[in-house]
Protein backbone atom coordinates (compact mmCIF):
# COMPACT_ATOMS: atom_id res chain seq x y z
CA MET A 1 39.22 -18.15 21.37
CA ALA A 2 37.83 -16.24 17.46
CA SER A 3 38.00 -12.71 18.56
CA PRO A 4 35.11 -10.68 19.24
CA GLU A 5 35.31 -8.88 15.43
CA ILE A 6 34.86 -12.56 14.08
CA GLU A 7 32.13 -13.86 17.16
CA THR A 8 30.01 -10.61 16.22
CA LEU A 9 30.08 -11.26 12.62
CA THR A 10 29.74 -15.70 13.14
CA GLN A 11 26.53 -14.26 15.65
CA ALA A 12 25.57 -11.48 13.40
CA LEU A 13 25.06 -14.37 10.40
CA SER A 14 23.48 -17.24 12.41
CA ARG A 15 20.62 -15.21 12.86
CA LEU A 16 20.27 -15.70 9.42
CA PRO A 17 17.19 -17.92 8.20
CA GLY A 18 18.54 -21.42 7.76
CA LEU A 19 21.95 -20.82 9.86
CA GLY A 20 22.78 -21.78 12.97
CA PRO A 21 25.46 -21.51 14.94
CA ARG A 22 27.53 -23.87 13.77
CA SER A 23 26.53 -23.68 10.44
CA ALA A 24 27.68 -19.79 10.75
CA ARG A 25 31.26 -20.40 12.05
CA ARG A 26 31.16 -22.49 8.88
CA ALA A 27 30.52 -19.46 6.28
CA VAL A 28 33.04 -17.43 8.27
CA LEU A 29 35.59 -19.38 8.34
CA HIS A 30 35.09 -19.79 4.25
CA LEU A 31 35.11 -15.95 4.32
CA LEU A 32 38.43 -15.68 6.17
CA LYS A 33 39.56 -17.83 4.58
CA ARG A 34 38.77 -16.58 0.95
CA ARG A 35 38.86 -12.99 1.72
CA GLU A 36 39.83 -11.37 -1.52
CA THR A 37 37.27 -15.00 -3.14
CA ALA A 38 34.41 -14.17 -1.45
CA LEU A 39 34.42 -11.83 1.61
CA ALA A 40 35.63 -8.51 -0.66
CA PRO A 41 32.34 -9.10 -2.92
CA LEU A 42 29.72 -10.17 -0.34
CA LEU A 43 30.92 -6.73 1.50
CA ARG A 44 30.81 -4.40 -1.41
CA ALA A 45 27.25 -6.46 -2.60
CA LEU A 46 26.35 -6.04 1.04
CA GLU A 47 27.34 -1.95 0.81
CA ALA A 48 25.45 -1.46 -2.16
CA VAL A 49 22.54 -3.06 -1.59
CA ASN A 50 22.29 -1.29 2.12
CA GLU A 51 22.77 2.10 0.15
CA ARG A 52 20.17 1.69 -2.59
CA LEU A 53 17.13 -0.14 -0.79
CA ALA A 54 14.53 1.30 -1.55
CA THR A 55 10.51 -0.15 -0.88
CA CYS A 56 8.33 0.50 -4.25
CA GLY A 57 5.67 2.62 -4.23
CA ILE A 58 4.02 0.89 -6.28
CA CYS A 59 3.62 -3.20 -4.74
CA GLY A 60 5.59 -2.92 -2.02
CA ASN A 61 8.26 -5.14 -3.66
CA VAL A 62 11.86 -4.61 -1.34
CA ASP A 63 14.62 -3.17 -4.87
CA THR A 64 17.20 -1.30 -5.44
CA THR A 65 14.98 1.25 -7.50
CA ASP A 66 11.27 2.82 -6.24
CA PRO A 67 9.65 1.79 -8.39
CA CYS A 68 10.93 -1.71 -8.98
CA GLY A 69 11.56 -3.64 -11.83
CA ILE A 70 9.28 -5.48 -12.33
CA CYS A 71 6.51 -2.44 -11.81
CA ALA A 72 9.00 -0.70 -14.23
CA ASP A 73 8.60 -3.15 -16.96
CA PRO A 74 7.12 -1.92 -19.61
CA ARG A 75 6.08 -5.65 -20.88
CA ARG A 76 4.55 -7.08 -17.85
CA ASP A 77 0.27 -7.00 -18.33
CA ALA A 78 -1.06 -4.52 -16.00
CA ARG A 79 -4.60 -6.03 -16.84
CA ALA A 80 -3.17 -9.13 -14.23
CA LEU A 81 -2.31 -8.64 -10.55
CA CYS A 82 -1.31 -10.86 -8.21
CA VAL A 83 -1.93 -10.70 -4.23
CA VAL A 84 0.64 -11.96 -1.95
CA GLU A 85 1.28 -12.13 2.14
CA ASP A 86 5.00 -10.92 1.46
CA VAL A 87 8.17 -10.10 -0.74
CA PRO A 88 9.44 -14.22 -0.64
CA ASP A 89 5.74 -15.14 -1.81
CA LEU A 90 6.59 -12.10 -4.77
CA TRP A 91 9.64 -13.61 -5.74
CA ALA A 92 9.03 -17.28 -5.82
CA LEU A 93 6.10 -16.56 -7.66
CA ASP A 94 7.72 -14.61 -10.40
CA ARG A 95 10.66 -17.25 -10.08
CA SER A 96 8.41 -19.80 -11.91
CA ARG A 97 7.95 -16.83 -15.11
CA LEU A 98 4.66 -17.77 -15.52
CA PHE A 99 2.91 -14.61 -14.22
CA PRO A 100 3.02 -11.62 -17.11
CA GLY A 101 1.15 -8.89 -14.56
CA LYS A 102 2.26 -7.61 -12.15
CA TYR A 103 2.13 -8.10 -8.10
CA HIS A 104 0.62 -6.35 -4.90
CA VAL A 105 2.21 -6.74 -1.36
CA LEU A 106 -0.19 -7.24 1.53
CA GLY A 107 3.05 -7.01 3.82
CA GLY A 108 1.97 -9.73 6.16
CA ARG A 109 -2.12 -11.96 6.36
CA LEU A 110 -4.65 -11.01 8.77
CA SER A 111 -4.16 -12.40 11.64
CA ALA A 112 -6.41 -12.29 15.22
CA LEU A 113 -3.85 -14.34 17.31
CA GLU A 114 -0.88 -12.09 16.18
CA GLY A 115 -3.28 -8.40 16.21
CA VAL A 116 -3.05 -8.05 13.01
CA ARG A 117 -5.78 -6.04 11.23
CA PRO A 118 -7.11 -4.89 7.85
CA GLU A 119 -5.60 -1.43 8.40
CA ASP A 120 -1.84 -2.83 9.22
CA LEU A 121 -1.10 -3.94 5.89
CA ARG A 122 -2.02 -2.89 2.35
CA ILE A 123 -4.83 -3.82 1.32
CA ASP A 124 -6.30 -0.22 1.30
CA SER A 125 -3.72 0.70 -1.74
CA LEU A 126 -4.45 -2.89 -3.04
CA ILE A 127 -7.97 -1.53 -2.88
CA ARG A 128 -6.89 1.83 -4.75
CA ARG A 129 -5.12 -0.12 -7.67
CA VAL A 130 -8.11 -1.44 -8.65
CA GLU A 131 -10.47 0.78 -8.32
CA SER A 132 -8.42 2.98 -10.04
CA GLY A 133 -9.33 1.18 -13.35
CA GLY A 134 -7.25 -0.57 -15.92
CA ILE A 135 -7.40 -3.88 -14.18
CA ASP A 136 -9.21 -7.11 -15.25
CA GLU A 137 -7.77 -10.18 -12.97
CA VAL A 138 -6.90 -10.41 -9.63
CA VAL A 139 -5.34 -13.38 -8.23
CA LEU A 140 -5.04 -13.92 -4.66
CA ALA A 141 -1.84 -15.81 -4.01
CA MET A 142 -2.70 -16.11 -0.10
CA ASN A 143 -0.31 -18.74 1.25
CA ALA A 144 -2.68 -22.13 1.82
CA THR A 145 -2.89 -21.68 5.28
CA LEU A 146 -5.71 -20.42 7.74
CA GLU A 147 -4.93 -16.69 8.08
CA GLY A 148 -4.47 -16.85 4.68
CA GLN A 149 -7.83 -17.62 3.55
CA THR A 150 -9.20 -15.54 5.95
CA THR A 151 -6.90 -12.51 4.64
CA ALA A 152 -8.14 -13.66 0.55
CA HIS A 153 -11.95 -14.00 2.00
CA TYR A 154 -11.93 -10.49 3.31
CA ILE A 155 -10.06 -9.44 0.07
CA ALA A 156 -12.86 -10.94 -2.31
CA GLU A 157 -16.00 -8.72 -0.40
CA ARG A 158 -13.53 -6.10 -0.74
CA ILE A 159 -12.66 -6.24 -4.22
CA GLU A 160 -16.56 -7.75 -5.32
CA ARG A 161 -18.24 -4.99 -6.21
CA PHE A 162 -15.08 -3.72 -8.98
CA PRO A 163 -15.80 -5.35 -12.68
CA VAL A 164 -12.74 -7.54 -12.43
CA ARG A 165 -12.24 -11.08 -12.88
CA LEU A 166 -11.33 -12.46 -9.30
CA THR A 167 -9.40 -15.62 -8.88
CA GLN A 168 -6.97 -17.77 -6.71
CA LEU A 169 -4.10 -20.20 -6.66
CA ALA A 170 -5.26 -23.98 -7.14
CA HIS A 171 -5.71 -25.57 -3.75
CA GLY A 172 -3.02 -27.90 -4.86
CA LEU A 173 -1.14 -25.83 -2.03
CA PRO A 174 0.11 -27.92 0.03
CA VAL A 175 -2.84 -26.97 3.01
CA GLY A 176 -0.92 -25.42 5.78
CA GLY A 177 2.29 -24.86 3.03
CA GLU A 178 4.15 -21.61 2.66
CA LEU A 179 5.06 -20.22 -1.37
CA ASP A 180 8.50 -19.69 -0.44
CA TYR A 181 9.32 -23.01 0.44
CA LEU A 182 6.82 -24.64 -2.42
CA ASP A 183 9.48 -25.89 -5.60
CA GLU A 184 8.81 -24.65 -9.39
CA GLY A 185 6.70 -27.33 -10.21
CA THR A 186 3.73 -26.83 -7.80
CA LEU A 187 4.24 -23.13 -8.10
CA ALA A 188 3.27 -23.80 -11.96
CA GLN A 189 0.02 -25.87 -10.90
CA ALA A 190 -0.91 -24.24 -9.22
CA LEU A 191 -1.03 -20.87 -10.72
CA ARG A 192 -2.38 -23.40 -14.27
CA ALA A 193 -5.84 -24.31 -12.57
CA ARG A 194 -6.19 -21.15 -10.42
CA ARG A 195 -10.24 -20.95 -10.81
CA PRO A 196 -12.81 -18.05 -9.18
CA VAL A 197 -13.32 -17.05 -5.81
CA VAL A 198 -17.27 -17.62 -5.45
């Protein structure tokens, strides 16, 4: 029987995505056996992130600086803006290293069933970014779900009055799929084959 502290750690880890109780126990045992090489560095990293964690005031990304590293990078093309539902989608697309522009995180997607309305998302701040000028293309990179496509259509209607090219990821993405779970090849093809929103 493990001590209450070890059991609490196991329970905390089991609540992480992809880890159930058995996987969490194995992870805890690994950390305990390798206290100096695994547990101590993990604790330091968690403390550092916890102390410096910030949400970017420009795009909504999660980073340890505000503005985030992407928004602060002068090599990024500020004329291209990719709109995503949430931070994992941004990270998935950025891992492909195929989109040279900047991002905007909505913080979710419209959903009548879940009661998520336009004012619950960062849509108004997106419109302000487009309205301020300097953006030539807005890429709608919503997940290929009913809610994702509803969100894309709503944003397209709000942006169509501005002189920007509006595109979306190609529909080669699997229906019902989420960006964070796709391989880089599929993401690369979707970015290359983006097309105007009608």
